[in-house]
Amino acid sequence: MRNRRRPPPCSSLGLPHGLMRARPYVLGWRCELHTPAAEKGRPESPPGPGWPIHRQQLDPETPSPDGQEMPS
């Protein structure tokens, strides 16, 4: 049996809670019904590509996405 830590429940006091997993936000752990966007009546923003463009490539062989050459 694997020792997995279960994420904490939603820390919002509002009911009902969402059935999906809670995710960490600045305000604490929130379910999908109590995210900051949901509490303002807005849809969730779509997931982004990950790291910002200036942090993605550090390999000197890979061309820079903005067209500038990497310093050698």
PDB file of N, CA and C in Angstrom:
ATOM      1  N   MET A   1       0.841  -1.174   0.000  1.00  0.00           N
ATOM      2  CA  MET A   1       0.000   0.000   0.000  1.00  0.00           C
ATOM      3  C   MET A   1       0.887   1.238   0.000  1.00  0.00           C
ATOM      4  N   ARG A   2       0.566   2.166  -0.881  1.00  0.00           N
ATOM      5  CA  ARG A   2       1.351   3.383  -0.985  1.00  0.00           C
ATOM      6  C   ARG A   2       0.899   4.396   0.054  1.00  0.00           C
ATOM      7  N   ASN A   3       1.860   5.094   0.597  1.00  0.00           N
ATOM      8  CA  ASN A   3       1.559   6.109   1.600  1.00  0.00           C
ATOM      9  C   ASN A   3       1.334   7.443   0.886  1.00  0.00           C
ATOM     10  N   ARG A   4       0.094   7.751   0.564  1.00  0.00           N
ATOM     11  CA  ARG A   4      -0.240   8.999  -0.105  1.00  0.00           C
ATOM     12  C   ARG A   4      -0.850   9.970   0.890  1.00  0.00           C
ATOM     13  N   ARG A   5      -0.431  11.209   0.764  1.00  0.00           N
ATOM     14  CA  ARG A   5      -1.037  12.241   1.606  1.00  0.00           C
ATOM     15  C   ARG A   5      -2.268  12.758   0.896  1.00  0.00           C
ATOM     16  N   ARG A   6      -3.318  12.848   1.592  1.00  0.00           N
ATOM     17  CA  ARG A   6      -4.567  13.345   1.038  1.00  0.00           C
ATOM     18  C   ARG A   6      -4.570  14.869   1.129  1.00  0.00           C
ATOM     19  N   PRO A   7      -4.985  15.563   0.038  1.00  0.00           N
ATOM     20  CA  PRO A   7      -5.001  17.026   0.127  1.00  0.00           C
ATOM     21  C   PRO A   7      -6.024  17.488   1.146  1.00  0.00           C
ATOM     22  N   PRO A   8      -5.781  18.619   1.792  1.00  0.00           N
ATOM     23  CA  PRO A   8      -6.741  19.115   2.770  1.00  0.00           C
ATOM     24  C   PRO A   8      -8.063  19.471   2.100  1.00  0.00           C
ATOM     25  N   PRO A   9      -9.138  19.473   2.846  1.00  0.00           N
ATOM     26  CA  PRO A   9     -10.430  19.847   2.263  1.00  0.00           C
ATOM     27  C   PRO A   9     -10.488  21.342   1.986  1.00  0.00           C
ATOM     28  N   CYS A  10     -11.523  21.738   1.305  1.00  0.00           N
ATOM     29  CA  CYS A  10     -11.745  23.154   0.999  1.00  0.00           C
ATOM     30  C   CYS A  10     -11.849  23.931   2.314  1.00  0.00           C
ATOM     31  N   SER A  11     -11.123  25.036   2.414  1.00  0.00           N
ATOM     32  CA  SER A  11     -11.119  25.803   3.662  1.00  0.00           C
ATOM     33  C   SER A  11     -12.170  26.911   3.676  1.00  0.00           C
ATOM     34  N   SER A  12     -13.007  26.973   2.635  1.00  0.00           N
ATOM     35  CA  SER A  12     -14.082  27.966   2.609  1.00  0.00           C
ATOM     36  C   SER A  12     -15.214  27.514   3.519  1.00  0.00           C
ATOM     37  N   LEU A  13     -15.893  28.459   4.126  1.00  0.00           N
ATOM     38  CA  LEU A  13     -16.993  28.118   5.023  1.00  0.00           C
ATOM     39  C   LEU A  13     -18.315  27.954   4.290  1.00  0.00           C
ATOM     40  N   GLY A  14     -18.357  28.319   3.003  1.00  0.00           N
ATOM     41  CA  GLY A  14     -19.588  28.211   2.227  1.00  0.00           C
ATOM     42  C   GLY A  14     -19.935  26.765   1.907  1.00  0.00           C
ATOM     43  N   LEU A  15     -21.218  26.477   1.852  1.00  0.00           N
ATOM     44  CA  LEU A  15     -21.690  25.140   1.491  1.00  0.00           C
ATOM     45  C   LEU A  15     -22.553  25.273   0.255  1.00  0.00           C
ATOM     46  N   PRO A  16     -22.710  24.308  -0.570  1.00  0.00           N
ATOM     47  CA  PRO A  16     -22.074  22.998  -0.604  1.00  0.00           C
ATOM     48  C   PRO A  16     -20.683  23.095  -1.219  1.00  0.00           C
ATOM     49  N   HIS A  17     -19.903  22.071  -1.019  1.00  0.00           N
ATOM     50  CA  HIS A  17     -18.563  22.011  -1.583  1.00  0.00           C
ATOM     51  C   HIS A  17     -18.581  21.192  -2.856  1.00  0.00           C
ATOM     52  N   GLY A  18     -17.604  21.445  -3.726  1.00  0.00           N
ATOM     53  CA  GLY A  18     -17.459  20.670  -4.950  1.00  0.00           C
ATOM     54  C   GLY A  18     -16.933  19.282  -4.640  1.00  0.00           C
ATOM     55  N   LEU A  19     -17.191  18.360  -5.540  1.00  0.00           N
ATOM     56  CA  LEU A  19     -16.777  16.979  -5.310  1.00  0.00           C
ATOM     57  C   LEU A  19     -15.373  16.687  -5.816  1.00  0.00           C
ATOM     58  N   MET A  20     -14.821  17.561  -6.636  1.00  0.00           N
ATOM     59  CA  MET A  20     -13.465  17.344  -7.141  1.00  0.00           C
ATOM     60  C   MET A  20     -12.453  17.716  -6.056  1.00  0.00           C
ATOM     61  N   ARG A  21     -11.190  17.469  -6.349  1.00  0.00           N
ATOM     62  CA  ARG A  21     -10.129  17.746  -5.379  1.00  0.00           C
ATOM     63  C   ARG A  21      -9.970  19.241  -5.135  1.00  0.00           C
ATOM     64  N   ALA A  22      -9.602  19.567  -3.936  1.00  0.00           N
ATOM     65  CA  ALA A  22      -9.299  20.961  -3.599  1.00  0.00           C
ATOM     66  C   ALA A  22      -7.908  21.301  -4.125  1.00  0.00           C
ATOM     67  N   ARG A  23      -7.724  22.569  -4.519  1.00  0.00           N
ATOM     68  CA  ARG A  23      -6.434  23.027  -5.022  1.00  0.00           C
ATOM     69  C   ARG A  23      -5.951  24.190  -4.171  1.00  0.00           C
ATOM     70  N   PRO A  24      -4.625  24.359  -4.062  1.00  0.00           N
ATOM     71  CA  PRO A  24      -4.111  25.465  -3.244  1.00  0.00           C
ATOM     72  C   PRO A  24      -4.236  26.805  -3.969  1.00  0.00           C
ATOM     73  N   TYR A  25      -4.696  27.801  -3.263  1.00  0.00           N
ATOM     74  CA  TYR A  25      -4.771  29.185  -3.726  1.00  0.00           C
ATOM     75  C   TYR A  25      -4.153  30.047  -2.636  1.00  0.00           C
ATOM     76  N   VAL A  26      -3.975  31.329  -2.914  1.00  0.00           N
ATOM     77  CA  VAL A  26      -3.420  32.249  -1.920  1.00  0.00           C
ATOM     78  C   VAL A  26      -4.312  32.283  -0.682  1.00  0.00           C
ATOM     79  N   LEU A  27      -5.612  32.147  -0.891  1.00  0.00           N
ATOM     80  CA  LEU A  27      -6.574  32.192   0.214  1.00  0.00           C
ATOM     81  C   LEU A  27      -6.655  30.891   1.002  1.00  0.00           C
ATOM     82  N   GLY A  28      -6.018  29.843   0.530  1.00  0.00           N
ATOM     83  CA  GLY A  28      -6.086  28.530   1.172  1.00  0.00           C
ATOM     84  C   GLY A  28      -6.567  27.487   0.182  1.00  0.00           C
ATOM     85  N   TRP A  29      -6.839  26.288   0.658  1.00  0.00           N
ATOM     86  CA  TRP A  29      -7.315  25.204  -0.202  1.00  0.00           C
ATOM     87  C   TRP A  29      -8.771  25.458  -0.560  1.00  0.00           C
ATOM     88  N   ARG A  30      -9.089  25.392  -1.861  1.00  0.00           N
ATOM     89  CA  ARG A  30     -10.443  25.666  -2.333  1.00  0.00           C
ATOM     90  C   ARG A  30     -10.892  24.590  -3.317  1.00  0.00           C
ATOM     91  N   CYS A  31     -12.177  24.239  -3.242  1.00  0.00           N
ATOM     92  CA  CYS A  31     -12.770  23.342  -4.232  1.00  0.00           C
ATOM     93  C   CYS A  31     -13.182  24.181  -5.441  1.00  0.00           C
ATOM     94  N   GLU A  32     -13.677  23.523  -6.505  1.00  0.00           N
ATOM     95  CA  GLU A  32     -14.012  24.273  -7.717  1.00  0.00           C
ATOM     96  C   GLU A  32     -15.192  25.224  -7.531  1.00  0.00           C
ATOM     97  N   LEU A  33     -15.994  25.043  -6.500  1.00  0.00           N
ATOM     98  CA  LEU A  33     -17.112  25.958  -6.247  1.00  0.00           C
ATOM     99  C   LEU A  33     -16.710  27.190  -5.447  1.00  0.00           C
ATOM    100  N   HIS A  34     -15.531  27.169  -4.835  1.00  0.00           N
ATOM    101  CA  HIS A  34     -15.109  28.281  -3.979  1.00  0.00           C
ATOM    102  C   HIS A  34     -13.787  28.910  -4.410  1.00  0.00           C
ATOM    103  N   THR A  35     -13.411  28.753  -5.679  1.00  0.00           N
ATOM    104  CA  THR A  35     -12.209  29.422  -6.170  1.00  0.00           C
ATOM    105  C   THR A  35     -12.468  30.924  -6.216  1.00  0.00           C
ATOM    106  N   PRO A  36     -11.427  31.748  -6.252  1.00  0.00           N
ATOM    107  CA  PRO A  36     -11.653  33.194  -6.323  1.00  0.00           C
ATOM    108  C   PRO A  36     -12.504  33.606  -7.529  1.00  0.00           C
ATOM    109  N   ALA A  37     -12.311  32.963  -8.673  1.00  0.00           N
ATOM    110  CA  ALA A  37     -13.115  33.301  -9.857  1.00  0.00           C
ATOM    111  C   ALA A  37     -14.566  32.889  -9.662  1.00  0.00           C
ATOM    112  N   ALA A  38     -14.810  31.715  -9.086  1.00  0.00           N
ATOM    113  CA  ALA A  38     -16.184  31.240  -8.882  1.00  0.00           C
ATOM    114  C   ALA A  38     -16.927  32.124  -7.887  1.00  0.00           C
ATOM    115  N   GLU A  39     -16.247  32.619  -6.881  1.00  0.00           N
ATOM    116  CA  GLU A  39     -16.903  33.482  -5.902  1.00  0.00           C
ATOM    117  C   GLU A  39     -17.278  34.843  -6.490  1.00  0.00           C
ATOM    118  N   LYS A  40     -16.591  35.245  -7.579  1.00  0.00           N
ATOM    119  CA  LYS A  40     -16.931  36.496  -8.258  1.00  0.00           C
ATOM    120  C   LYS A  40     -17.895  36.265  -9.418  1.00  0.00           C
ATOM    121  N   GLY A  41     -18.318  35.023  -9.636  1.00  0.00           N
ATOM    122  CA  GLY A  41     -19.260  34.713 -10.699  1.00  0.00           C
ATOM    123  C   GLY A  41     -18.631  34.606 -12.073  1.00  0.00           C
ATOM    124  N   ARG A  42     -17.317  34.425 -12.135  1.00  0.00           N
ATOM    125  CA  ARG A  42     -16.624  34.317 -13.417  1.00  0.00           C
ATOM    126  C   ARG A  42     -16.194  32.880 -13.649  1.00  0.00           C
ATOM    127  N   PRO A  43     -16.008  32.477 -14.913  1.00  0.00           N
ATOM    128  CA  PRO A  43     -15.511  31.125 -15.188  1.00  0.00           C
ATOM    129  C   PRO A  43     -14.028  31.024 -14.849  1.00  0.00           C
ATOM    130  N   GLU A  44     -13.574  29.819 -14.639  1.00  0.00           N
ATOM    131  CA  GLU A  44     -12.152  29.598 -14.374  1.00  0.00           C
ATOM    132  C   GLU A  44     -11.347  29.918 -15.622  1.00  0.00           C
ATOM    133  N   SER A  45     -10.176  30.478 -15.443  1.00  0.00           N
ATOM    134  CA  SER A  45      -9.315  30.739 -16.590  1.00  0.00           C
ATOM    135  C   SER A  45      -8.743  29.417 -17.087  1.00  0.00           C
ATOM    136  N   PRO A  46      -8.542  29.284 -18.395  1.00  0.00           N
ATOM    137  CA  PRO A  46      -8.006  28.022 -18.918  1.00  0.00           C
ATOM    138  C   PRO A  46      -6.567  27.836 -18.460  1.00  0.00           C
ATOM    139  N   PRO A  47      -6.121  26.601 -18.331  1.00  0.00           N
ATOM    140  CA  PRO A  47      -4.736  26.372 -17.914  1.00  0.00           C
ATOM    141  C   PRO A  47      -3.774  26.901 -18.965  1.00  0.00           C
ATOM    142  N   GLY A  48      -2.715  27.493 -18.512  1.00  0.00           N
ATOM    143  CA  GLY A  48      -1.727  28.057 -19.418  1.00  0.00           C
ATOM    144  C   GLY A  48      -0.699  27.026 -19.843  1.00  0.00           C
ATOM    145  N   PRO A  49       0.279  27.456 -20.621  1.00  0.00           N
ATOM    146  CA  PRO A  49       1.286  26.521 -21.106  1.00  0.00           C
ATOM    147  C   PRO A  49       2.315  26.137 -20.054  1.00  0.00           C
ATOM    148  N   GLY A  50       2.330  26.778 -18.930  1.00  0.00           N
ATOM    149  CA  GLY A  50       3.311  26.431 -17.897  1.00  0.00           C
ATOM    150  C   GLY A  50       4.197  27.612 -17.569  1.00  0.00           C
ATOM    151  N   TRP A  51       5.510  27.406 -17.665  1.00  0.00           N
ATOM    152  CA  TRP A  51       6.469  28.445 -17.326  1.00  0.00           C
ATOM    153  C   TRP A  51       6.329  29.643 -18.252  1.00  0.00           C
ATOM    154  N   PRO A  52       6.646  30.846 -17.769  1.00  0.00           N
ATOM    155  CA  PRO A  52       6.670  32.020 -18.649  1.00  0.00           C
ATOM    156  C   PRO A  52       7.696  31.829 -19.766  1.00  0.00           C
ATOM    157  N   ILE A  53       7.509  32.538 -20.863  1.00  0.00           N
ATOM    158  CA  ILE A  53       8.340  32.341 -22.048  1.00  0.00           C
ATOM    159  C   ILE A  53       9.822  32.583 -21.763  1.00  0.00           C
ATOM    160  N   HIS A  54      10.162  33.506 -20.866  1.00  0.00           N
ATOM    161  CA  HIS A  54      11.568  33.789 -20.591  1.00  0.00           C
ATOM    162  C   HIS A  54      12.229  32.722 -19.723  1.00  0.00           C
ATOM    163  N   ARG A  55      11.470  31.756 -19.200  1.00  0.00           N
ATOM    164  CA  ARG A  55      12.051  30.720 -18.351  1.00  0.00           C
ATOM    165  C   ARG A  55      12.000  29.342 -18.986  1.00  0.00           C
ATOM    166  N   GLN A  56      11.480  29.217 -20.205  1.00  0.00           N
ATOM    167  CA  GLN A  56      11.280  27.896 -20.780  1.00  0.00           C
ATOM    168  C   GLN A  56      12.562  27.269 -21.303  1.00  0.00           C
ATOM    169  N   GLN A  57      13.368  27.985 -22.022  1.00  0.00           N
ATOM    170  CA  GLN A  57      14.518  27.386 -22.697  1.00  0.00           C
ATOM    171  C   GLN A  57      15.829  27.886 -22.095  1.00  0.00           C
ATOM    172  N   LEU A  58      16.633  26.982 -21.639  1.00  0.00           N
ATOM    173  CA  LEU A  58      17.978  27.327 -21.180  1.00  0.00           C
ATOM    174  C   LEU A  58      19.037  26.575 -21.973  1.00  0.00           C
ATOM    175  N   ASP A  59      18.609  25.716 -22.907  1.00  0.00           N
ATOM    176  CA  ASP A  59      19.525  24.939 -23.726  1.00  0.00           C
ATOM    177  C   ASP A  59      20.081  25.838 -24.833  1.00  0.00           C
ATOM    178  N   PRO A  60      21.417  25.998 -24.943  1.00  0.00           N
ATOM    179  CA  PRO A  60      21.972  26.892 -25.969  1.00  0.00           C
ATOM    180  C   PRO A  60      21.713  26.405 -27.390  1.00  0.00           C
ATOM    181  N   GLU A  61      21.435  25.118 -27.590  1.00  0.00           N
ATOM    182  CA  GLU A  61      21.155  24.590 -28.924  1.00  0.00           C
ATOM    183  C   GLU A  61      19.754  24.953 -29.398  1.00  0.00           C
ATOM    184  N   THR A  62      18.849  25.253 -28.494  1.00  0.00           N
ATOM    185  CA  THR A  62      17.471  25.567 -28.843  1.00  0.00           C
ATOM    186  C   THR A  62      17.363  27.048 -29.188  1.00  0.00           C
ATOM    187  N   PRO A  63      16.734  27.384 -30.332  1.00  0.00           N
ATOM    188  CA  PRO A  63      16.598  28.811 -30.666  1.00  0.00           C
ATOM    189  C   PRO A  63      15.678  29.526 -29.689  1.00  0.00           C
ATOM    190  N   SER A  64      15.965  30.783 -29.463  1.00  0.00           N
ATOM    191  CA  SER A  64      15.161  31.587 -28.551  1.00  0.00           C
ATOM    192  C   SER A  64      13.798  31.870 -29.184  1.00  0.00           C
ATOM    193  N   PRO A  65      12.701  31.793 -28.420  1.00  0.00           N
ATOM    194  CA  PRO A  65      11.378  32.026 -28.996  1.00  0.00           C
ATOM    195  C   PRO A  65      11.149  33.466 -29.449  1.00  0.00           C
ATOM    196  N   ASP A  66      11.900  34.423 -28.921  1.00  0.00           N
ATOM    197  CA  ASP A  66      11.706  35.814 -29.336  1.00  0.00           C
ATOM    198  C   ASP A  66      12.682  36.232 -30.432  1.00  0.00           C
ATOM    199  N   GLY A  67      13.482  35.306 -30.970  1.00  0.00           N
ATOM    200  CA  GLY A  67      14.373  35.582 -32.086  1.00  0.00           C
ATOM    201  C   GLY A  67      15.731  36.114 -31.689  1.00  0.00           C
ATOM    202  N   GLN A  68      15.983  36.364 -30.421  1.00  0.00           N
ATOM    203  CA  GLN A  68      17.275  36.872 -29.989  1.00  0.00           C
ATOM    204  C   GLN A  68      18.218  35.701 -29.742  1.00  0.00           C
ATOM    205  N   GLU A  69      19.508  35.951 -29.966  1.00  0.00           N
ATOM    206  CA  GLU A  69      20.488  34.901 -29.728  1.00  0.00           C
ATOM    207  C   GLU A  69      20.838  34.831 -28.251  1.00  0.00           C
ATOM    208  N   MET A  70      21.097  33.618 -27.779  1.00  0.00           N
ATOM    209  CA  MET A  70      21.505  33.413 -26.391  1.00  0.00           C
ATOM    210  C   MET A  70      22.968  33.834 -26.251  1.00  0.00           C
ATOM    211  N   PRO A  71      23.351  34.518 -25.164  1.00  0.00           N
ATOM    212  CA  PRO A  71      24.762  34.870 -24.967  1.00  0.00           C
ATOM    213  C   PRO A  71      25.587  33.617 -24.708  1.00  0.00           C
ATOM    214  N   SER A  72      26.807  33.603 -25.251  1.00  0.00           N
ATOM    215  CA  SER A  72      27.653  32.417 -25.051  1.00  0.00           C
ATOM    216  C   SER A  72      28.787  32.675 -24.104  1.00  0.00           C
TER     217      SER A  72
END
